PDB file of N, CA and C in Angstrom:
ATOM      1  N   MET A   1      15.545   8.287 -17.480  1.00  0.00           N
ATOM      2  CA  MET A   1      14.382   7.437 -17.409  1.00  0.00           C
ATOM      3  C   MET A   1      13.255   8.177 -16.689  1.00  0.00           C
ATOM      4  N   TYR A   2      12.055   8.058 -17.218  1.00  0.00           N
ATOM      5  CA  TYR A   2      10.868   8.706 -16.669  1.00  0.00           C
ATOM      6  C   TYR A   2       9.938   7.649 -16.069  1.00  0.00           C
ATOM      7  N   ILE A   3       9.410   7.959 -14.870  1.00  0.00           N
ATOM      8  CA  ILE A   3       8.383   7.137 -14.236  1.00  0.00           C
ATOM      9  C   ILE A   3       7.115   7.978 -14.137  1.00  0.00           C
ATOM     10  N   LEU A   4       5.992   7.402 -14.532  1.00  0.00           N
ATOM     11  CA  LEU A   4       4.694   8.060 -14.435  1.00  0.00           C
ATOM     12  C   LEU A   4       3.832   7.308 -13.432  1.00  0.00           C
ATOM     13  N   ILE A   5       3.272   8.057 -12.471  1.00  0.00           N
ATOM     14  CA  ILE A   5       2.266   7.499 -11.561  1.00  0.00           C
ATOM     15  C   ILE A   5       0.964   8.229 -11.872  1.00  0.00           C
ATOM     16  N   ASP A   6       0.069   7.533 -12.566  1.00  0.00           N
ATOM     17  CA  ASP A   6      -1.177   8.135 -13.048  1.00  0.00           C
ATOM     18  C   ASP A   6      -2.146   7.012 -13.381  1.00  0.00           C
ATOM     19  N   ASP A   7      -3.378   7.133 -12.945  1.00  0.00           N
ATOM     20  CA  ASP A   7      -4.351   6.064 -13.184  1.00  0.00           C
ATOM     21  C   ASP A   7      -4.924   6.070 -14.594  1.00  0.00           C
ATOM     22  N   MET A   8      -4.684   7.127 -15.391  1.00  0.00           N
ATOM     23  CA  MET A   8      -5.305   7.188 -16.710  1.00  0.00           C
ATOM     24  C   MET A   8      -4.363   7.544 -17.854  1.00  0.00           C
ATOM     25  N   ARG A   9      -3.459   8.483 -17.647  1.00  0.00           N
ATOM     26  CA  ARG A   9      -2.647   9.013 -18.741  1.00  0.00           C
ATOM     27  C   ARG A   9      -1.542   8.055 -19.169  1.00  0.00           C
ATOM     28  N   ASP A  10      -1.201   8.153 -20.445  1.00  0.00           N
ATOM     29  CA  ASP A  10      -0.008   7.515 -21.004  1.00  0.00           C
ATOM     30  C   ASP A  10       0.792   8.642 -21.633  1.00  0.00           C
ATOM     31  N   LEU A  11       1.923   8.983 -21.056  1.00  0.00           N
ATOM     32  CA  LEU A  11       2.692  10.138 -21.521  1.00  0.00           C
ATOM     33  C   LEU A  11       4.036   9.750 -22.132  1.00  0.00           C
ATOM     34  N   GLY A  12       4.171   8.531 -22.567  1.00  0.00           N
ATOM     35  CA  GLY A  12       5.420   8.116 -23.184  1.00  0.00           C
ATOM     36  C   GLY A  12       6.544   7.903 -22.184  1.00  0.00           C
ATOM     37  N   CYS A  13       6.205   7.658 -20.937  1.00  0.00           N
ATOM     38  CA  CYS A  13       7.219   7.412 -19.916  1.00  0.00           C
ATOM     39  C   CYS A  13       7.713   5.964 -19.996  1.00  0.00           C
ATOM     40  N   ASP A  14       8.870   5.728 -19.421  1.00  0.00           N
ATOM     41  CA  ASP A  14       9.476   4.392 -19.465  1.00  0.00           C
ATOM     42  C   ASP A  14       8.728   3.383 -18.601  1.00  0.00           C
ATOM     43  N   ILE A  15       8.243   3.827 -17.443  1.00  0.00           N
ATOM     44  CA  ILE A  15       7.496   2.965 -16.516  1.00  0.00           C
ATOM     45  C   ILE A  15       6.221   3.701 -16.131  1.00  0.00           C
ATOM     46  N   ILE A  16       5.097   2.989 -16.153  1.00  0.00           N
ATOM     47  CA  ILE A  16       3.812   3.576 -15.781  1.00  0.00           C
ATOM     48  C   ILE A  16       3.220   2.766 -14.630  1.00  0.00           C
ATOM     49  N   CYS A  17       2.843   3.463 -13.563  1.00  0.00           N
ATOM     50  CA  CYS A  17       2.184   2.842 -12.416  1.00  0.00           C
ATOM     51  C   CYS A  17       0.784   3.435 -12.328  1.00  0.00           C
ATOM     52  N   ARG A  18      -0.216   2.587 -12.157  1.00  0.00           N
ATOM     53  CA  ARG A  18      -1.607   3.038 -12.170  1.00  0.00           C
ATOM     54  C   ARG A  18      -2.179   3.313 -10.780  1.00  0.00           C
ATOM     55  N   THR A  19      -1.475   2.938  -9.722  1.00  0.00           N
ATOM     56  CA  THR A  19      -1.966   3.163  -8.362  1.00  0.00           C
ATOM     57  C   THR A  19      -0.842   3.727  -7.497  1.00  0.00           C
ATOM     58  N   GLY A  20      -1.228   4.346  -6.398  1.00  0.00           N
ATOM     59  CA  GLY A  20      -0.245   4.861  -5.456  1.00  0.00           C
ATOM     60  C   GLY A  20       0.645   3.776  -4.875  1.00  0.00           C
ATOM     61  N   PRO A  21       0.061   2.659  -4.376  1.00  0.00           N
ATOM     62  CA  PRO A  21       0.914   1.601  -3.833  1.00  0.00           C
ATOM     63  C   PRO A  21       1.903   1.033  -4.864  1.00  0.00           C
ATOM     64  N   ALA A  22       1.448   0.846  -6.097  1.00  0.00           N
ATOM     65  CA  ALA A  22       2.366   0.354  -7.143  1.00  0.00           C
ATOM     66  C   ALA A  22       3.471   1.377  -7.395  1.00  0.00           C
ATOM     67  N   GLY A  23       3.102   2.653  -7.383  1.00  0.00           N
ATOM     68  CA  GLY A  23       4.101   3.697  -7.577  1.00  0.00           C
ATOM     69  C   GLY A  23       5.156   3.696  -6.489  1.00  0.00           C
ATOM     70  N   LEU A  24       4.740   3.521  -5.250  1.00  0.00           N
ATOM     71  CA  LEU A  24       5.707   3.480  -4.151  1.00  0.00           C
ATOM     72  C   LEU A  24       6.646   2.287  -4.266  1.00  0.00           C
ATOM     73  N   VAL A  25       6.118   1.144  -4.674  1.00  0.00           N
ATOM     74  CA  VAL A  25       6.980  -0.034  -4.863  1.00  0.00           C
ATOM     75  C   VAL A  25       8.026   0.242  -5.929  1.00  0.00           C
ATOM     76  N   VAL A  26       7.600   0.823  -7.038  1.00  0.00           N
ATOM     77  CA  VAL A  26       8.540   1.126  -8.119  1.00  0.00           C
ATOM     78  C   VAL A  26       9.571   2.151  -7.656  1.00  0.00           C
ATOM     79  N   LEU A  27       9.137   3.201  -6.971  1.00  0.00           N
ATOM     80  CA  LEU A  27      10.080   4.205  -6.481  1.00  0.00           C
ATOM     81  C   LEU A  27      11.124   3.584  -5.561  1.00  0.00           C
ATOM     82  N   GLU A  28      10.696   2.665  -4.709  1.00  0.00           N
ATOM     83  CA  GLU A  28      11.642   1.989  -3.807  1.00  0.00           C
ATOM     84  C   GLU A  28      12.651   1.147  -4.587  1.00  0.00           C
ATOM     85  N   HIS A  29      12.179   0.434  -5.602  1.00  0.00           N
ATOM     86  CA  HIS A  29      13.070  -0.437  -6.377  1.00  0.00           C
ATOM     87  C   HIS A  29      13.948   0.326  -7.354  1.00  0.00           C
ATOM     88  N   MET A  30      13.497   1.491  -7.783  1.00  0.00           N
ATOM     89  CA  MET A  30      14.237   2.269  -8.780  1.00  0.00           C
ATOM     90  C   MET A  30      15.023   3.422  -8.161  1.00  0.00           C
ATOM     91  N   GLU A  31      15.132   3.450  -6.849  1.00  0.00           N
ATOM     92  CA  GLU A  31      15.794   4.557  -6.159  1.00  0.00           C
ATOM     93  C   GLU A  31      17.151   4.866  -6.785  1.00  0.00           C
ATOM     94  N   GLY A  32      17.298   6.118  -7.240  1.00  0.00           N
ATOM     95  CA  GLY A  32      18.548   6.561  -7.838  1.00  0.00           C
ATOM     96  C   GLY A  32      18.767   6.134  -9.271  1.00  0.00           C
ATOM     97  N   LYS A  33      17.805   5.403  -9.858  1.00  0.00           N
ATOM     98  CA  LYS A  33      17.981   4.873 -11.210  1.00  0.00           C
ATOM     99  C   LYS A  33      17.063   5.526 -12.237  1.00  0.00           C
ATOM    100  N   PHE A  34      16.428   6.628 -11.867  1.00  0.00           N
ATOM    101  CA  PHE A  34      15.568   7.316 -12.835  1.00  0.00           C
ATOM    102  C   PHE A  34      15.744   8.819 -12.675  1.00  0.00           C
ATOM    103  N   ASP A  35      15.390   9.558 -13.729  1.00  0.00           N
ATOM    104  CA  ASP A  35      15.673  10.987 -13.779  1.00  0.00           C
ATOM    105  C   ASP A  35      14.489  11.870 -13.417  1.00  0.00           C
ATOM    106  N   VAL A  36      13.283  11.447 -13.812  1.00  0.00           N
ATOM    107  CA  VAL A  36      12.101  12.307 -13.654  1.00  0.00           C
ATOM    108  C   VAL A  36      10.917  11.463 -13.191  1.00  0.00           C
ATOM    109  N   LEU A  37      10.192  12.001 -12.210  1.00  0.00           N
ATOM    110  CA  LEU A  37       8.923  11.418 -11.793  1.00  0.00           C
ATOM    111  C   LEU A  37       7.807  12.335 -12.277  1.00  0.00           C
ATOM    112  N   CYS A  38       6.869  11.782 -13.034  1.00  0.00           N
ATOM    113  CA  CYS A  38       5.649  12.490 -13.440  1.00  0.00           C
ATOM    114  C   CYS A  38       4.526  11.921 -12.584  1.00  0.00           C
ATOM    115  N   ILE A  39       3.765  12.795 -11.943  1.00  0.00           N
ATOM    116  CA  ILE A  39       2.753  12.295 -11.006  1.00  0.00           C
ATOM    117  C   ILE A  39       1.438  13.055 -11.115  1.00  0.00           C
ATOM    118  N   ASP A  40       0.367  12.295 -11.032  1.00  0.00           N
ATOM    119  CA  ASP A  40      -0.996  12.808 -10.991  1.00  0.00           C
ATOM    120  C   ASP A  40      -1.415  12.902  -9.523  1.00  0.00           C
ATOM    121  N   HIS A  41      -2.414  13.709  -9.225  1.00  0.00           N
ATOM    122  CA  HIS A  41      -2.927  13.768  -7.854  1.00  0.00           C
ATOM    123  C   HIS A  41      -3.989  12.705  -7.610  1.00  0.00           C
ATOM    124  N   ASP A  42      -5.001  12.651  -8.450  1.00  0.00           N
ATOM    125  CA  ASP A  42      -6.124  11.732  -8.238  1.00  0.00           C
ATOM    126  C   ASP A  42      -5.805  10.393  -8.898  1.00  0.00           C
ATOM    127  N   LEU A  43      -5.606   9.387  -8.062  1.00  0.00           N
ATOM    128  CA  LEU A  43      -5.161   8.082  -8.564  1.00  0.00           C
ATOM    129  C   LEU A  43      -6.231   7.015  -8.412  1.00  0.00           C
ATOM    130  N   GLY A  44      -7.455   7.341  -8.756  1.00  0.00           N
ATOM    131  CA  GLY A  44      -8.521   6.353  -8.697  1.00  0.00           C
ATOM    132  C   GLY A  44      -9.544   6.706  -7.633  1.00  0.00           C
ATOM    133  N   PRO A  45     -10.490   5.804  -7.446  1.00  0.00           N
ATOM    134  CA  PRO A  45     -11.583   6.086  -6.510  1.00  0.00           C
ATOM    135  C   PRO A  45     -11.091   6.156  -5.062  1.00  0.00           C
ATOM    136  N   VAL A  46     -11.749   7.002  -4.303  1.00  0.00           N
ATOM    137  CA  VAL A  46     -11.465   7.109  -2.871  1.00  0.00           C
ATOM    138  C   VAL A  46     -11.804   5.761  -2.257  1.00  0.00           C
ATOM    139  N   PRO A  47     -11.048   5.208  -1.359  1.00  0.00           N
ATOM    140  CA  PRO A  47      -9.983   5.792  -0.552  1.00  0.00           C
ATOM    141  C   PRO A  47      -8.570   5.498  -1.076  1.00  0.00           C
ATOM    142  N   ALA A  48      -8.379   5.507  -2.359  1.00  0.00           N
ATOM    143  CA  ALA A  48      -7.054   5.241  -2.921  1.00  0.00           C
ATOM    144  C   ALA A  48      -6.040   6.269  -2.427  1.00  0.00           C
ATOM    145  N   LEU A  49      -4.784   5.846  -2.381  1.00  0.00           N
ATOM    146  CA  LEU A  49      -3.716   6.812  -2.107  1.00  0.00           C
ATOM    147  C   LEU A  49      -3.713   7.847  -3.217  1.00  0.00           C
ATOM    148  N   THR A  50      -3.517   9.092  -2.867  1.00  0.00           N
ATOM    149  CA  THR A  50      -3.414  10.149  -3.877  1.00  0.00           C
ATOM    150  C   THR A  50      -1.944  10.365  -4.231  1.00  0.00           C
ATOM    151  N   GLY A  51      -1.730  11.145  -5.274  1.00  0.00           N
ATOM    152  CA  GLY A  51      -0.367  11.524  -5.612  1.00  0.00           C
ATOM    153  C   GLY A  51       0.285  12.295  -4.484  1.00  0.00           C
ATOM    154  N   LEU A  52      -0.504  13.082  -3.754  1.00  0.00           N
ATOM    155  CA  LEU A  52       0.026  13.806  -2.599  1.00  0.00           C
ATOM    156  C   LEU A  52       0.536  12.831  -1.545  1.00  0.00           C
ATOM    157  N   ASP A  53      -0.213  11.765  -1.285  1.00  0.00           N
ATOM    158  CA  ASP A  53       0.232  10.743  -0.329  1.00  0.00           C
ATOM    159  C   ASP A  53       1.549  10.120  -0.779  1.00  0.00           C
ATOM    160  N   VAL A  54       1.638   9.820  -2.062  1.00  0.00           N
ATOM    161  CA  VAL A  54       2.858   9.211  -2.609  1.00  0.00           C
ATOM    162  C   VAL A  54       4.041  10.158  -2.437  1.00  0.00           C
ATOM    163  N   ILE A  55       3.839  11.440  -2.748  1.00  0.00           N
ATOM    164  CA  ILE A  55       4.919  12.418  -2.629  1.00  0.00           C
ATOM    165  C   ILE A  55       5.371  12.549  -1.174  1.00  0.00           C
ATOM    166  N   LYS A  56       4.425  12.575  -0.248  1.00  0.00           N
ATOM    167  CA  LYS A  56       4.788  12.683   1.169  1.00  0.00           C
ATOM    168  C   LYS A  56       5.661  11.512   1.608  1.00  0.00           C
ATOM    169  N   VAL A  57       5.274  10.302   1.256  1.00  0.00           N
ATOM    170  CA  VAL A  57       6.056   9.122   1.616  1.00  0.00           C
ATOM    171  C   VAL A  57       7.411   9.149   0.919  1.00  0.00           C
ATOM    172  N   ALA A  58       7.403   9.482  -0.369  1.00  0.00           N
ATOM    173  CA  ALA A  58       8.657   9.510  -1.136  1.00  0.00           C
ATOM    174  C   ALA A  58       9.624  10.545  -0.571  1.00  0.00           C
ATOM    175  N   CYS A  59       9.110  11.667  -0.092  1.00  0.00           N
ATOM    176  CA  CYS A  59       9.985  12.672   0.533  1.00  0.00           C
ATOM    177  C   CYS A  59      10.563  12.143   1.844  1.00  0.00           C
ATOM    178  N   LEU A  60       9.726  11.523   2.646  1.00  0.00           N
ATOM    179  CA  LEU A  60      10.195  10.978   3.931  1.00  0.00           C
ATOM    180  C   LEU A  60      11.260   9.905   3.738  1.00  0.00           C
ATOM    181  N   GLU A  61      11.111   9.112   2.683  1.00  0.00           N
ATOM    182  CA  GLU A  61      12.039   8.000   2.443  1.00  0.00           C
ATOM    183  C   GLU A  61      13.130   8.347   1.436  1.00  0.00           C
ATOM    184  N   ASN A  62      13.179   9.619   1.020  1.00  0.00           N
ATOM    185  CA  ASN A  62      14.195  10.095   0.068  1.00  0.00           C
ATOM    186  C   ASN A  62      14.213   9.262  -1.216  1.00  0.00           C
ATOM    187  N   LEU A  63      13.044   9.091  -1.820  1.00  0.00           N
ATOM    188  CA  LEU A  63      12.906   8.262  -3.020  1.00  0.00           C
ATOM    189  C   LEU A  63      12.754   9.070  -4.305  1.00  0.00           C
ATOM    190  N   LEU A  64      12.758  10.386  -4.210  1.00  0.00           N
ATOM    191  CA  LEU A  64      12.481  11.205  -5.396  1.00  0.00           C
ATOM    192  C   LEU A  64      13.757  11.506  -6.185  1.00  0.00           C
ATOM    193  N   PRO A  65      13.600  11.612  -7.507  1.00  0.00           N
ATOM    194  CA  PRO A  65      14.727  12.041  -8.337  1.00  0.00           C
ATOM    195  C   PRO A  65      14.887  13.560  -8.208  1.00  0.00           C
ATOM    196  N   ASN A  66      15.775  14.134  -8.974  1.00  0.00           N
ATOM    197  CA  ASN A  66      16.009  15.578  -8.907  1.00  0.00           C
ATOM    198  C   ASN A  66      14.960  16.400  -9.628  1.00  0.00           C
ATOM    199  N   GLU A  67      14.056  15.735 -10.371  1.00  0.00           N
ATOM    200  CA  GLU A  67      12.981  16.462 -11.049  1.00  0.00           C
ATOM    201  C   GLU A  67      11.659  15.733 -10.885  1.00  0.00           C
ATOM    202  N   VAL A  68      10.627  16.500 -10.530  1.00  0.00           N
ATOM    203  CA  VAL A  68       9.261  15.979 -10.416  1.00  0.00           C
ATOM    204  C   VAL A  68       8.362  16.866 -11.258  1.00  0.00           C
ATOM    205  N   GLN A  69       7.542  16.241 -12.103  1.00  0.00           N
ATOM    206  CA  GLN A  69       6.584  16.963 -12.925  1.00  0.00           C
ATOM    207  C   GLN A  69       5.175  16.577 -12.474  1.00  0.00           C
ATOM    208  N   ILE A  70       4.367  17.568 -12.144  1.00  0.00           N
ATOM    209  CA  ILE A  70       2.986  17.319 -11.719  1.00  0.00           C
ATOM    210  C   ILE A  70       2.100  17.383 -12.954  1.00  0.00           C
ATOM    211  N   VAL A  71       1.405  16.285 -13.251  1.00  0.00           N
ATOM    212  CA  VAL A  71       0.596  16.193 -14.472  1.00  0.00           C
ATOM    213  C   VAL A  71      -0.901  16.186 -14.173  1.00  0.00           C
ATOM    214  N   SER A  72      -1.275  16.579 -12.990  1.00  0.00           N
ATOM    215  CA  SER A  72      -2.667  16.534 -12.556  1.00  0.00           C
ATOM    216  C   SER A  72      -3.516  17.651 -13.165  1.00  0.00           C
ATOM    217  N   SER A  73      -4.798  17.360 -13.368  1.00  0.00           N
ATOM    218  CA  SER A  73      -5.777  18.368 -13.778  1.00  0.00           C
ATOM    219  C   SER A  73      -6.478  18.976 -12.574  1.00  0.00           C
ATOM    220  N   ASN A  74      -6.133  18.531 -11.388  1.00  0.00           N
ATOM    221  CA  ASN A  74      -6.754  18.991 -10.145  1.00  0.00           C
ATOM    222  C   ASN A  74      -5.924  20.159  -9.600  1.00  0.00           C
ATOM    223  N   PRO A  75      -6.418  21.413  -9.726  1.00  0.00           N
ATOM    224  CA  PRO A  75      -5.598  22.563  -9.320  1.00  0.00           C
ATOM    225  C   PRO A  75      -5.232  22.571  -7.837  1.00  0.00           C
ATOM    226  N   VAL A  76      -6.134  22.117  -6.984  1.00  0.00           N
ATOM    227  CA  VAL A  76      -5.824  22.056  -5.551  1.00  0.00           C
ATOM    228  C   VAL A  76      -4.758  20.992  -5.307  1.00  0.00           C
ATOM    229  N   GLY A  77      -4.884  19.872  -6.002  1.00  0.00           N
ATOM    230  CA  GLY A  77      -3.882  18.816  -5.879  1.00  0.00           C
ATOM    231  C   GLY A  77      -2.504  19.276  -6.349  1.00  0.00           C
ATOM    232  N   VAL A  78      -2.470  20.016  -7.451  1.00  0.00           N
ATOM    233  CA  VAL A  78      -1.200  20.549  -7.965  1.00  0.00           C
ATOM    234  C   VAL A  78      -0.554  21.445  -6.911  1.00  0.00           C
ATOM    235  N   THR A  79      -1.353  22.326  -6.324  1.00  0.00           N
ATOM    236  CA  THR A  79      -0.836  23.242  -5.298  1.00  0.00           C
ATOM    237  C   THR A  79      -0.321  22.477  -4.086  1.00  0.00           C
ATOM    238  N   ASN A  80      -1.082  21.495  -3.630  1.00  0.00           N
ATOM    239  CA  ASN A  80      -0.687  20.738  -2.438  1.00  0.00           C
ATOM    240  C   ASN A  80       0.592  19.932  -2.665  1.00  0.00           C
ATOM    241  N   ILE A  81       0.682  19.268  -3.818  1.00  0.00           N
ATOM    242  CA  ILE A  81       1.910  18.529  -4.130  1.00  0.00           C
ATOM    243  C   ILE A  81       3.084  19.500  -4.242  1.00  0.00           C
ATOM    244  N   GLY A  82       2.857  20.616  -4.909  1.00  0.00           N
ATOM    245  CA  GLY A  82       3.915  21.614  -5.047  1.00  0.00           C
ATOM    246  C   GLY A  82       4.409  22.128  -3.706  1.00  0.00           C
ATOM    247  N   ASN A  83       3.497  22.367  -2.781  1.00  0.00           N
ATOM    248  CA  ASN A  83       3.895  22.844  -1.457  1.00  0.00           C
ATOM    249  C   ASN A  83       4.755  21.833  -0.717  1.00  0.00           C
ATOM    250  N   VAL A  84       4.409  20.562  -0.819  1.00  0.00           N
ATOM    251  CA  VAL A  84       5.223  19.529  -0.163  1.00  0.00           C
ATOM    252  C   VAL A  84       6.609  19.471  -0.805  1.00  0.00           C
ATOM    253  N   LEU A  85       6.654  19.560  -2.132  1.00  0.00           N
ATOM    254  CA  LEU A  85       7.951  19.538  -2.809  1.00  0.00           C
ATOM    255  C   LEU A  85       8.797  20.745  -2.389  1.00  0.00           C
ATOM    256  N   LYS A  86       8.192  21.931  -2.353  1.00  0.00           N
ATOM    257  CA  LYS A  86       8.937  23.130  -1.923  1.00  0.00           C
ATOM    258  C   LYS A  86       9.448  22.975  -0.495  1.00  0.00           C
ATOM    259  N   ASP A  87       8.623  22.405   0.369  1.00  0.00           N
ATOM    260  CA  ASP A  87       9.028  22.194   1.765  1.00  0.00           C
ATOM    261  C   ASP A  87      10.172  21.190   1.881  1.00  0.00           C
ATOM    262  N   ASN A  88      10.402  20.431   0.817  1.00  0.00           N
ATOM    263  CA  ASN A  88      11.450  19.407   0.832  1.00  0.00           C
ATOM    264  C   ASN A  88      12.599  19.731  -0.116  1.00  0.00           C
ATOM    265  N   GLY A  89      12.804  21.008  -0.387  1.00  0.00           N
ATOM    266  CA  GLY A  89      13.990  21.436  -1.108  1.00  0.00           C
ATOM    267  C   GLY A  89      13.897  21.495  -2.615  1.00  0.00           C
ATOM    268  N   PHE A  90      12.689  21.450  -3.163  1.00  0.00           N
ATOM    269  CA  PHE A  90      12.511  21.553  -4.608  1.00  0.00           C
ATOM    270  C   PHE A  90      12.108  22.981  -4.967  1.00  0.00           C
ATOM    271  N   THR A  91      12.528  23.423  -6.142  1.00  0.00           N
ATOM    272  CA  THR A  91      12.201  24.761  -6.639  1.00  0.00           C
ATOM    273  C   THR A  91      11.315  24.618  -7.871  1.00  0.00           C
ATOM    274  N   PRO A  92      10.200  25.369  -7.924  1.00  0.00           N
ATOM    275  CA  PRO A  92       9.304  25.262  -9.087  1.00  0.00           C
ATOM    276  C   PRO A  92       9.778  26.122 -10.249  1.00  0.00           C
ATOM    277  N   ASP A  93       9.411  25.697 -11.456  1.00  0.00           N
ATOM    278  CA  ASP A  93       9.586  26.574 -12.614  1.00  0.00           C
ATOM    279  C   ASP A  93       8.376  27.514 -12.639  1.00  0.00           C
ATOM    280  N   PRO A  94       8.310  28.456 -13.586  1.00  0.00           N
ATOM    281  CA  PRO A  94       7.193  29.417 -13.597  1.00  0.00           C
ATOM    282  C   PRO A  94       5.804  28.787 -13.701  1.00  0.00           C
ATOM    283  N   SER A  95       5.708  27.589 -14.266  1.00  0.00           N
ATOM    284  CA  SER A  95       4.393  26.940 -14.391  1.00  0.00           C
ATOM    285  C   SER A  95       3.911  26.342 -13.069  1.00  0.00           C
ATOM    286  N   ASN A  96       4.796  26.214 -12.093  1.00  0.00           N
ATOM    287  CA  ASN A  96       4.518  25.528 -10.829  1.00  0.00           C
ATOM    288  C   ASN A  96       4.108  24.077 -11.032  1.00  0.00           C
ATOM    289  N   ARG A  97       4.590  23.476 -12.110  1.00  0.00           N
ATOM    290  CA  ARG A  97       4.314  22.067 -12.386  1.00  0.00           C
ATOM    291  C   ARG A  97       5.592  21.239 -12.519  1.00  0.00           C
ATOM    292  N   VAL A  98       6.706  21.905 -12.736  1.00  0.00           N
ATOM    293  CA  VAL A  98       7.995  21.204 -12.825  1.00  0.00           C
ATOM    294  C   VAL A  98       8.843  21.698 -11.661  1.00  0.00           C
ATOM    295  N   PHE A  99       9.299  20.750 -10.856  1.00  0.00           N
ATOM    296  CA  PHE A  99      10.074  21.077  -9.655  1.00  0.00           C
ATOM    297  C   PHE A  99      11.424  20.383  -9.736  1.00  0.00           C
ATOM    298  N   LYS A 100      12.465  21.134  -9.413  1.00  0.00           N
ATOM    299  CA  LYS A 100      13.820  20.563  -9.418  1.00  0.00           C
ATOM    300  C   LYS A 100      14.428  20.758  -8.045  1.00  0.00           C
ATOM    301  N   ARG A 101      15.211  19.748  -7.657  1.00  0.00           N
ATOM    302  CA  ARG A 101      15.877  19.814  -6.372  1.00  0.00           C
ATOM    303  C   ARG A 101      16.934  20.910  -6.416  1.00  0.00           C
ATOM    304  N   LYS A 102      16.990  21.698  -5.352  1.00  0.00           N
ATOM    305  CA  LYS A 102      17.953  22.808  -5.285  1.00  0.00           C
ATOM    306  C   LYS A 102      19.381  22.302  -5.304  1.00  0.00           C
TER     307      LYS A 102
END
């Protein structure tokens, strides 16, 4: 099962959350019941939670599946999310957009 947290894209995922807070609620309720999280960095107008904020909370609360795919068009956001994932035991593929837990 795929979960997408993105304010604009529809990528054929099973569950789509349009905001950071909605994404966190779904991650909490679906803990251990999904395979892949697809996440965007920019999730609406400031001061909305960003995908980076969601990833930080999800790492602290151990809510992430074994695979995370970063679908953001924001290169700085991609790098920042990737760094948090690497710091939490995920390994990137060559694209630095797909991360799997070691």
